[in-house]
Amino acid sequence: MKTKTIKLTLYTPEVIKIINDLPRGSRSLVVESALIAYMQTDSGRALLSPLHHRNSIGKKEHITDDKGTTDIFKRLKGDFN
């Protein structure tokens, strides 16, 4: 099994409390499961698709227009501040 350790920064107090209340060893499972479920929703695909596209352009190329990603945040419902 291939694994990767990722550092996350959380800003929402409710999410932080939920993550902190989980038993050790289950945090990664819950976060990964939540992201998988989110990717299957219309909102998740609308948010992640342009972000994947931006990442696949390559680090050598400079992105001059991030309007596509900005427009996605305007169309999504929720608090993204």
PDB file of N, CA and C in Angstrom:
ATOM      1  N   MET A   1       0.849  -1.173   0.000  1.00  0.00           N
ATOM      2  CA  MET A   1       0.000   0.000   0.000  1.00  0.00           C
ATOM      3  C   MET A   1       0.897   1.239   0.000  1.00  0.00           C
ATOM      4  N   LYS A   2       0.573   2.167  -0.859  1.00  0.00           N
ATOM      5  CA  LYS A   2       1.325   3.410  -0.950  1.00  0.00           C
ATOM      6  C   LYS A   2       0.613   4.468  -0.111  1.00  0.00           C
ATOM      7  N   THR A   3       1.349   5.153   0.739  1.00  0.00           N
ATOM      8  CA  THR A   3       0.768   6.205   1.574  1.00  0.00           C
ATOM      9  C   THR A   3       1.550   7.498   1.395  1.00  0.00           C
ATOM     10  N   LYS A   4       0.915   8.581   1.778  1.00  0.00           N
ATOM     11  CA  LYS A   4       1.550   9.888   1.719  1.00  0.00           C
ATOM     12  C   LYS A   4       1.088  10.692   2.926  1.00  0.00           C
ATOM     13  N   THR A   5       2.015  11.335   3.593  1.00  0.00           N
ATOM     14  CA  THR A   5       1.685  12.190   4.725  1.00  0.00           C
ATOM     15  C   THR A   5       1.512  13.612   4.218  1.00  0.00           C
ATOM     16  N   ILE A   6       0.398  14.232   4.614  1.00  0.00           N
ATOM     17  CA  ILE A   6       0.078  15.582   4.178  1.00  0.00           C
ATOM     18  C   ILE A   6      -0.264  16.421   5.403  1.00  0.00           C
ATOM     19  N   LYS A   7       0.253  17.634   5.443  1.00  0.00           N
ATOM     20  CA  LYS A   7      -0.075  18.557   6.529  1.00  0.00           C
ATOM     21  C   LYS A   7      -1.259  19.409   6.075  1.00  0.00           C
ATOM     22  N   LEU A   8      -2.296  19.468   6.887  1.00  0.00           N
ATOM     23  CA  LEU A   8      -3.485  20.257   6.584  1.00  0.00           C
ATOM     24  C   LEU A   8      -3.610  21.408   7.567  1.00  0.00           C
ATOM     25  N   THR A   9      -4.095  22.527   7.087  1.00  0.00           N
ATOM     26  CA  THR A   9      -4.417  23.655   7.953  1.00  0.00           C
ATOM     27  C   THR A   9      -5.929  23.815   7.933  1.00  0.00           C
ATOM     28  N   LEU A  10      -6.540  23.775   9.093  1.00  0.00           N
ATOM     29  CA  LEU A  10      -7.994  23.896   9.215  1.00  0.00           C
ATOM     30  C   LEU A  10      -8.340  25.237   9.840  1.00  0.00           C
ATOM     31  N   TYR A  11      -9.424  25.845   9.375  1.00  0.00           N
ATOM     32  CA  TYR A  11      -9.834  27.157   9.856  1.00  0.00           C
ATOM     33  C   TYR A  11     -11.210  27.161  10.522  1.00  0.00           C
ATOM     34  N   THR A  12     -12.033  26.178  10.224  1.00  0.00           N
ATOM     35  CA  THR A  12     -13.398  26.160  10.738  1.00  0.00           C
ATOM     36  C   THR A  12     -13.434  25.503  12.118  1.00  0.00           C
ATOM     37  N   PRO A  13     -13.866  26.230  13.134  1.00  0.00           N
ATOM     38  CA  PRO A  13     -13.850  25.674  14.500  1.00  0.00           C
ATOM     39  C   PRO A  13     -14.616  24.355  14.630  1.00  0.00           C
ATOM     40  N   GLU A  14     -15.751  24.230  13.952  1.00  0.00           N
ATOM     41  CA  GLU A  14     -16.536  22.991  14.035  1.00  0.00           C
ATOM     42  C   GLU A  14     -15.753  21.811  13.473  1.00  0.00           C
ATOM     43  N   VAL A  15     -15.067  22.033  12.348  1.00  0.00           N
ATOM     44  CA  VAL A  15     -14.278  20.962  11.725  1.00  0.00           C
ATOM     45  C   VAL A  15     -13.093  20.604  12.623  1.00  0.00           C
ATOM     46  N   ILE A  16     -12.450  21.606  13.190  1.00  0.00           N
ATOM     47  CA  ILE A  16     -11.317  21.363  14.084  1.00  0.00           C
ATOM     48  C   ILE A  16     -11.752  20.530  15.283  1.00  0.00           C
ATOM     49  N   LYS A  17     -12.910  20.862  15.860  1.00  0.00           N
ATOM     50  CA  LYS A  17     -13.411  20.098  17.002  1.00  0.00           C
ATOM     51  C   LYS A  17     -13.695  18.657  16.625  1.00  0.00           C
ATOM     52  N   ILE A  18     -14.321  18.444  15.473  1.00  0.00           N
ATOM     53  CA  ILE A  18     -14.621  17.080  15.028  1.00  0.00           C
ATOM     54  C   ILE A  18     -13.335  16.281  14.852  1.00  0.00           C
ATOM     55  N   ILE A  19     -12.353  16.875  14.189  1.00  0.00           N
ATOM     56  CA  ILE A  19     -11.080  16.189  13.953  1.00  0.00           C
ATOM     57  C   ILE A  19     -10.375  15.899  15.276  1.00  0.00           C
ATOM     58  N   ASN A  20     -10.366  16.864  16.184  1.00  0.00           N
ATOM     59  CA  ASN A  20      -9.715  16.659  17.481  1.00  0.00           C
ATOM     60  C   ASN A  20     -10.414  15.599  18.327  1.00  0.00           C
ATOM     61  N   ASP A  21     -11.726  15.451  18.174  1.00  0.00           N
ATOM     62  CA  ASP A  21     -12.483  14.483  18.972  1.00  0.00           C
ATOM     63  C   ASP A  21     -12.358  13.051  18.442  1.00  0.00           C
ATOM     64  N   LEU A  22     -11.842  12.892  17.232  1.00  0.00           N
ATOM     65  CA  LEU A  22     -11.695  11.550  16.665  1.00  0.00           C
ATOM     66  C   LEU A  22     -10.562  10.802  17.360  1.00  0.00           C
ATOM     67  N   PRO A  23     -10.709   9.484  17.484  1.00  0.00           N
ATOM     68  CA  PRO A  23      -9.611   8.702  18.063  1.00  0.00           C
ATOM     69  C   PRO A  23      -8.385   8.726  17.146  1.00  0.00           C
ATOM     70  N   ARG A  24      -7.200   8.669  17.758  1.00  0.00           N
ATOM     71  CA  ARG A  24      -5.970   8.620  16.958  1.00  0.00           C
ATOM     72  C   ARG A  24      -6.028   7.409  16.035  1.00  0.00           C
ATOM     73  N   GLY A  25      -5.545   7.605  14.845  1.00  0.00           N
ATOM     74  CA  GLY A  25      -5.540   6.520  13.868  1.00  0.00           C
ATOM     75  C   GLY A  25      -6.738   6.535  12.944  1.00  0.00           C
ATOM     76  N   SER A  26      -7.763   7.294  13.291  1.00  0.00           N
ATOM     77  CA  SER A  26      -8.946   7.329  12.417  1.00  0.00           C
ATOM     78  C   SER A  26      -9.100   8.668  11.706  1.00  0.00           C
ATOM     79  N   ARG A  27      -8.272   9.635  12.038  1.00  0.00           N
ATOM     80  CA  ARG A  27      -8.396  10.965  11.429  1.00  0.00           C
ATOM     81  C   ARG A  27      -8.186  10.910   9.918  1.00  0.00           C
ATOM     82  N   SER A  28      -7.136  10.239   9.488  1.00  0.00           N
ATOM     83  CA  SER A  28      -6.855  10.153   8.053  1.00  0.00           C
ATOM     84  C   SER A  28      -7.998   9.478   7.312  1.00  0.00           C
ATOM     85  N   LEU A  29      -8.538   8.413   7.895  1.00  0.00           N
ATOM     86  CA  LEU A  29      -9.643   7.688   7.276  1.00  0.00           C
ATOM     87  C   LEU A  29     -10.864   8.590   7.098  1.00  0.00           C
ATOM     88  N   VAL A  30     -11.182   9.358   8.134  1.00  0.00           N
ATOM     89  CA  VAL A  30     -12.358  10.235   8.072  1.00  0.00           C
ATOM     90  C   VAL A  30     -12.143  11.352   7.052  1.00  0.00           C
ATOM     91  N   VAL A  31     -10.967  11.987   7.062  1.00  0.00           N
ATOM     92  CA  VAL A  31     -10.693  13.081   6.122  1.00  0.00           C
ATOM     93  C   VAL A  31     -10.706  12.555   4.691  1.00  0.00           C
ATOM     94  N   GLU A  32     -10.061  11.421   4.458  1.00  0.00           N
ATOM     95  CA  GLU A  32     -10.028  10.853   3.111  1.00  0.00           C
ATOM     96  C   GLU A  32     -11.426  10.454   2.646  1.00  0.00           C
ATOM     97  N   SER A  33     -12.211   9.836   3.514  1.00  0.00           N
ATOM     98  CA  SER A  33     -13.579   9.448   3.167  1.00  0.00           C
ATOM     99  C   SER A  33     -14.442  10.662   2.846  1.00  0.00           C
ATOM    100  N   ALA A  34     -14.281  11.726   3.643  1.00  0.00           N
ATOM    101  CA  ALA A  34     -15.054  12.950   3.403  1.00  0.00           C
ATOM    102  C   ALA A  34     -14.684  13.578   2.066  1.00  0.00           C
ATOM    103  N   LEU A  35     -13.393  13.580   1.734  1.00  0.00           N
ATOM    104  CA  LEU A  35     -12.969  14.151   0.458  1.00  0.00           C
ATOM    105  C   LEU A  35     -13.465  13.312  -0.715  1.00  0.00           C
ATOM    106  N   ILE A  36     -13.431  12.002  -0.587  1.00  0.00           N
ATOM    107  CA  ILE A  36     -13.947  11.126  -1.638  1.00  0.00           C
ATOM    108  C   ILE A  36     -15.436  11.392  -1.853  1.00  0.00           C
ATOM    109  N   ALA A  37     -16.199  11.497  -0.766  1.00  0.00           N
ATOM    110  CA  ALA A  37     -17.635  11.770  -0.879  1.00  0.00           C
ATOM    111  C   ALA A  37     -17.880  13.138  -1.498  1.00  0.00           C
ATOM    112  N   TYR A  38     -17.072  14.138  -1.121  1.00  0.00           N
ATOM    113  CA  TYR A  38     -17.228  15.493  -1.658  1.00  0.00           C
ATOM    114  C   TYR A  38     -16.925  15.534  -3.153  1.00  0.00           C
ATOM    115  N   MET A  39     -15.925  14.768  -3.594  1.00  0.00           N
ATOM    116  CA  MET A  39     -15.559  14.755  -5.012  1.00  0.00           C
ATOM    117  C   MET A  39     -16.678  14.176  -5.877  1.00  0.00           C
ATOM    118  N   GLN A  40     -17.575  13.416  -5.283  1.00  0.00           N
ATOM    119  CA  GLN A  40     -18.678  12.816  -6.033  1.00  0.00           C
ATOM    120  C   GLN A  40     -19.877  13.752  -6.156  1.00  0.00           C
ATOM    121  N   THR A  41     -19.825  14.913  -5.516  1.00  0.00           N
ATOM    122  CA  THR A  41     -20.918  15.873  -5.610  1.00  0.00           C
ATOM    123  C   THR A  41     -20.639  16.876  -6.732  1.00  0.00           C
ATOM    124  N   ASP A  42     -21.670  17.552  -7.189  1.00  0.00           N
ATOM    125  CA  ASP A  42     -21.493  18.585  -8.217  1.00  0.00           C
ATOM    126  C   ASP A  42     -20.598  19.715  -7.725  1.00  0.00           C
ATOM    127  N   SER A  43     -20.792  20.145  -6.488  1.00  0.00           N
ATOM    128  CA  SER A  43     -19.969  21.221  -5.932  1.00  0.00           C
ATOM    129  C   SER A  43     -18.507  20.798  -5.840  1.00  0.00           C
ATOM    130  N   GLY A  44     -18.273  19.585  -5.420  1.00  0.00           N
ATOM    131  CA  GLY A  44     -16.906  19.092  -5.310  1.00  0.00           C
ATOM    132  C   GLY A  44     -16.203  19.038  -6.655  1.00  0.00           C
ATOM    133  N   ARG A  45     -16.904  18.535  -7.667  1.00  0.00           N
ATOM    134  CA  ARG A  45     -16.311  18.491  -9.013  1.00  0.00           C
ATOM    135  C   ARG A  45     -16.087  19.899  -9.547  1.00  0.00           C
ATOM    136  N   ALA A  46     -17.020  20.811  -9.284  1.00  0.00           N
ATOM    137  CA  ALA A  46     -16.876  22.192  -9.764  1.00  0.00           C
ATOM    138  C   ALA A  46     -15.682  22.881  -9.121  1.00  0.00           C
ATOM    139  N   LEU A  47     -15.390  22.581  -7.873  1.00  0.00           N
ATOM    140  CA  LEU A  47     -14.256  23.193  -7.196  1.00  0.00           C
ATOM    141  C   LEU A  47     -12.938  22.539  -7.599  1.00  0.00           C
ATOM    142  N   LEU A  48     -12.901  21.217  -7.614  1.00  0.00           N
ATOM    143  CA  LEU A  48     -11.641  20.513  -7.809  1.00  0.00           C
ATOM    144  C   LEU A  48     -11.167  20.466  -9.257  1.00  0.00           C
ATOM    145  N   SER A  49     -12.075  20.461 -10.204  1.00  0.00           N
ATOM    146  CA  SER A  49     -11.674  20.348 -11.611  1.00  0.00           C
ATOM    147  C   SER A  49     -10.735  21.466 -12.056  1.00  0.00           C
ATOM    148  N   PRO A  50     -11.068  22.744 -11.852  1.00  0.00           N
ATOM    149  CA  PRO A  50     -10.132  23.788 -12.267  1.00  0.00           C
ATOM    150  C   PRO A  50      -8.841  23.786 -11.458  1.00  0.00           C
ATOM    151  N   LEU A  51      -8.896  23.338 -10.214  1.00  0.00           N
ATOM    152  CA  LEU A  51      -7.683  23.278  -9.409  1.00  0.00           C
ATOM    153  C   LEU A  51      -6.746  22.192  -9.931  1.00  0.00           C
ATOM    154  N   HIS A  52      -7.311  21.060 -10.342  1.00  0.00           N
ATOM    155  CA  HIS A  52      -6.494  20.010 -10.951  1.00  0.00           C
ATOM    156  C   HIS A  52      -5.890  20.512 -12.254  1.00  0.00           C
ATOM    157  N   HIS A  53      -6.681  21.240 -13.030  1.00  0.00           N
ATOM    158  CA  HIS A  53      -6.207  21.768 -14.312  1.00  0.00           C
ATOM    159  C   HIS A  53      -5.042  22.732 -14.098  1.00  0.00           C
ATOM    160  N   ARG A  54      -5.181  23.615 -13.117  1.00  0.00           N
ATOM    161  CA  ARG A  54      -4.098  24.577 -12.823  1.00  0.00           C
ATOM    162  C   ARG A  54      -2.834  23.853 -12.412  1.00  0.00           C
ATOM    163  N   ASN A  55      -2.971  22.792 -11.643  1.00  0.00           N
ATOM    164  CA  ASN A  55      -1.814  22.051 -11.157  1.00  0.00           C
ATOM    165  C   ASN A  55      -1.145  21.272 -12.292  1.00  0.00           C
ATOM    166  N   SER A  56      -1.911  20.840 -13.278  1.00  0.00           N
ATOM    167  CA  SER A  56      -1.354  20.034 -14.362  1.00  0.00           C
ATOM    168  C   SER A  56      -0.649  20.866 -15.422  1.00  0.00           C
ATOM    169  N   ILE A  57      -0.786  22.185 -15.381  1.00  0.00           N
ATOM    170  CA  ILE A  57      -0.133  23.047 -16.361  1.00  0.00           C
ATOM    171  C   ILE A  57       1.383  22.956 -16.225  1.00  0.00           C
ATOM    172  N   GLY A  58       1.874  22.802 -15.034  1.00  0.00           N
ATOM    173  CA  GLY A  58       3.316  22.687 -14.816  1.00  0.00           C
ATOM    174  C   GLY A  58       3.843  23.862 -14.037  1.00  0.00           C
ATOM    175  N   LYS A  59       4.914  23.621 -13.326  1.00  0.00           N
ATOM    176  CA  LYS A  59       5.463  24.657 -12.463  1.00  0.00           C
ATOM    177  C   LYS A  59       6.297  25.665 -13.234  1.00  0.00           C
ATOM    178  N   LYS A  60       6.758  25.304 -14.434  1.00  0.00           N
ATOM    179  CA  LYS A  60       7.589  26.226 -15.202  1.00  0.00           C
ATOM    180  C   LYS A  60       6.766  27.323 -15.873  1.00  0.00           C
ATOM    181  N   GLU A  61       5.501  27.021 -16.142  1.00  0.00           N
ATOM    182  CA  GLU A  61       4.642  28.008 -16.789  1.00  0.00           C
ATOM    183  C   GLU A  61       3.984  28.881 -15.730  1.00  0.00           C
ATOM    184  N   HIS A  62       3.927  30.160 -15.988  1.00  0.00           N
ATOM    185  CA  HIS A  62       3.285  31.091 -15.068  1.00  0.00           C
ATOM    186  C   HIS A  62       1.821  31.242 -15.463  1.00  0.00           C
ATOM    187  N   ILE A  63       0.937  31.104 -14.515  1.00  0.00           N
ATOM    188  CA  ILE A  63      -0.491  31.252 -14.782  1.00  0.00           C
ATOM    189  C   ILE A  63      -0.842  32.726 -14.653  1.00  0.00           C
ATOM    190  N   THR A  64      -1.290  33.326 -15.748  1.00  0.00           N
ATOM    191  CA  THR A  64      -1.574  34.755 -15.711  1.00  0.00           C
ATOM    192  C   THR A  64      -3.051  35.037 -15.467  1.00  0.00           C
ATOM    193  N   ASP A  65      -3.905  34.045 -15.704  1.00  0.00           N
ATOM    194  CA  ASP A  65      -5.331  34.278 -15.541  1.00  0.00           C
ATOM    195  C   ASP A  65      -5.922  33.230 -14.612  1.00  0.00           C
ATOM    196  N   ASP A  66      -6.231  33.619 -13.378  1.00  0.00           N
ATOM    197  CA  ASP A  66      -6.850  32.673 -12.458  1.00  0.00           C
ATOM    198  C   ASP A  66      -8.349  32.944 -12.335  1.00  0.00           C
ATOM    199  N   LYS A  67      -8.910  33.589 -13.344  1.00  0.00           N
ATOM    200  CA  LYS A  67     -10.326  33.944 -13.325  1.00  0.00           C
ATOM    201  C   LYS A  67     -11.212  32.706 -13.210  1.00  0.00           C
ATOM    202  N   GLY A  68     -10.813  31.613 -13.868  1.00  0.00           N
ATOM    203  CA  GLY A  68     -11.607  30.390 -13.822  1.00  0.00           C
ATOM    204  C   GLY A  68     -11.806  29.887 -12.411  1.00  0.00           C
ATOM    205  N   THR A  69     -10.758  29.865 -11.625  1.00  0.00           N
ATOM    206  CA  THR A  69     -10.861  29.399 -10.248  1.00  0.00           C
ATOM    207  C   THR A  69     -11.663  30.378  -9.412  1.00  0.00           C
ATOM    208  N   THR A  70     -11.480  31.665  -9.615  1.00  0.00           N
ATOM    209  CA  THR A  70     -12.230  32.673  -8.869  1.00  0.00           C
ATOM    210  C   THR A  70     -13.725  32.549  -9.158  1.00  0.00           C
ATOM    211  N   ASP A  71     -14.091  32.320 -10.418  1.00  0.00           N
ATOM    212  CA  ASP A  71     -15.491  32.158 -10.779  1.00  0.00           C
ATOM    213  C   ASP A  71     -16.119  30.941 -10.106  1.00  0.00           C
ATOM    214  N   ILE A  72     -15.347  29.888  -9.930  1.00  0.00           N
ATOM    215  CA  ILE A  72     -15.865  28.694  -9.278  1.00  0.00           C
ATOM    216  C   ILE A  72     -16.305  29.014  -7.859  1.00  0.00           C
ATOM    217  N   PHE A  73     -15.501  29.784  -7.118  1.00  0.00           N
ATOM    218  CA  PHE A  73     -15.856  30.111  -5.741  1.00  0.00           C
ATOM    219  C   PHE A  73     -17.128  30.953  -5.686  1.00  0.00           C
ATOM    220  N   LYS A  74     -17.372  31.765  -6.685  1.00  0.00           N
ATOM    221  CA  LYS A  74     -18.596  32.580  -6.711  1.00  0.00           C
ATOM    222  C   LYS A  74     -19.829  31.714  -6.920  1.00  0.00           C
ATOM    223  N   ARG A  75     -19.691  30.601  -7.666  1.00  0.00           N
ATOM    224  CA  ARG A  75     -20.831  29.741  -7.957  1.00  0.00           C
ATOM    225  C   ARG A  75     -21.146  28.750  -6.863  1.00  0.00           C
ATOM    226  N   LEU A  76     -20.186  28.445  -6.018  1.00  0.00           N
ATOM    227  CA  LEU A  76     -20.402  27.460  -4.958  1.00  0.00           C
ATOM    228  C   LEU A  76     -21.210  28.047  -3.809  1.00  0.00           C
ATOM    229  N   LYS A  77     -21.954  27.185  -3.168  1.00  0.00           N
ATOM    230  CA  LYS A  77     -22.733  27.609  -2.007  1.00  0.00           C
ATOM    231  C   LYS A  77     -21.968  27.238  -0.755  1.00  0.00           C
ATOM    232  N   GLY A  78     -21.926  28.137   0.203  1.00  0.00           N
ATOM    233  CA  GLY A  78     -21.241  27.850   1.459  1.00  0.00           C
ATOM    234  C   GLY A  78     -20.354  29.003   1.862  1.00  0.00           C
ATOM    235  N   ASP A  79     -19.712  28.851   2.989  1.00  0.00           N
ATOM    236  CA  ASP A  79     -18.832  29.884   3.519  1.00  0.00           C
ATOM    237  C   ASP A  79     -17.402  29.517   3.189  1.00  0.00           C
ATOM    238  N   PHE A  80     -16.802  30.225   2.235  1.00  0.00           N
ATOM    239  CA  PHE A  80     -15.446  29.928   1.812  1.00  0.00           C
ATOM    240  C   PHE A  80     -14.497  31.062   2.164  1.00  0.00           C
ATOM    241  N   ASN A  81     -14.807  31.834   3.200  1.00  0.00           N
ATOM    242  CA  ASN A  81     -13.949  32.929   3.633  1.00  0.00           C
ATOM    243  C   ASN A  81     -12.829  32.431   4.499  1.00  0.00           C
TER     244      ASN A  81
END
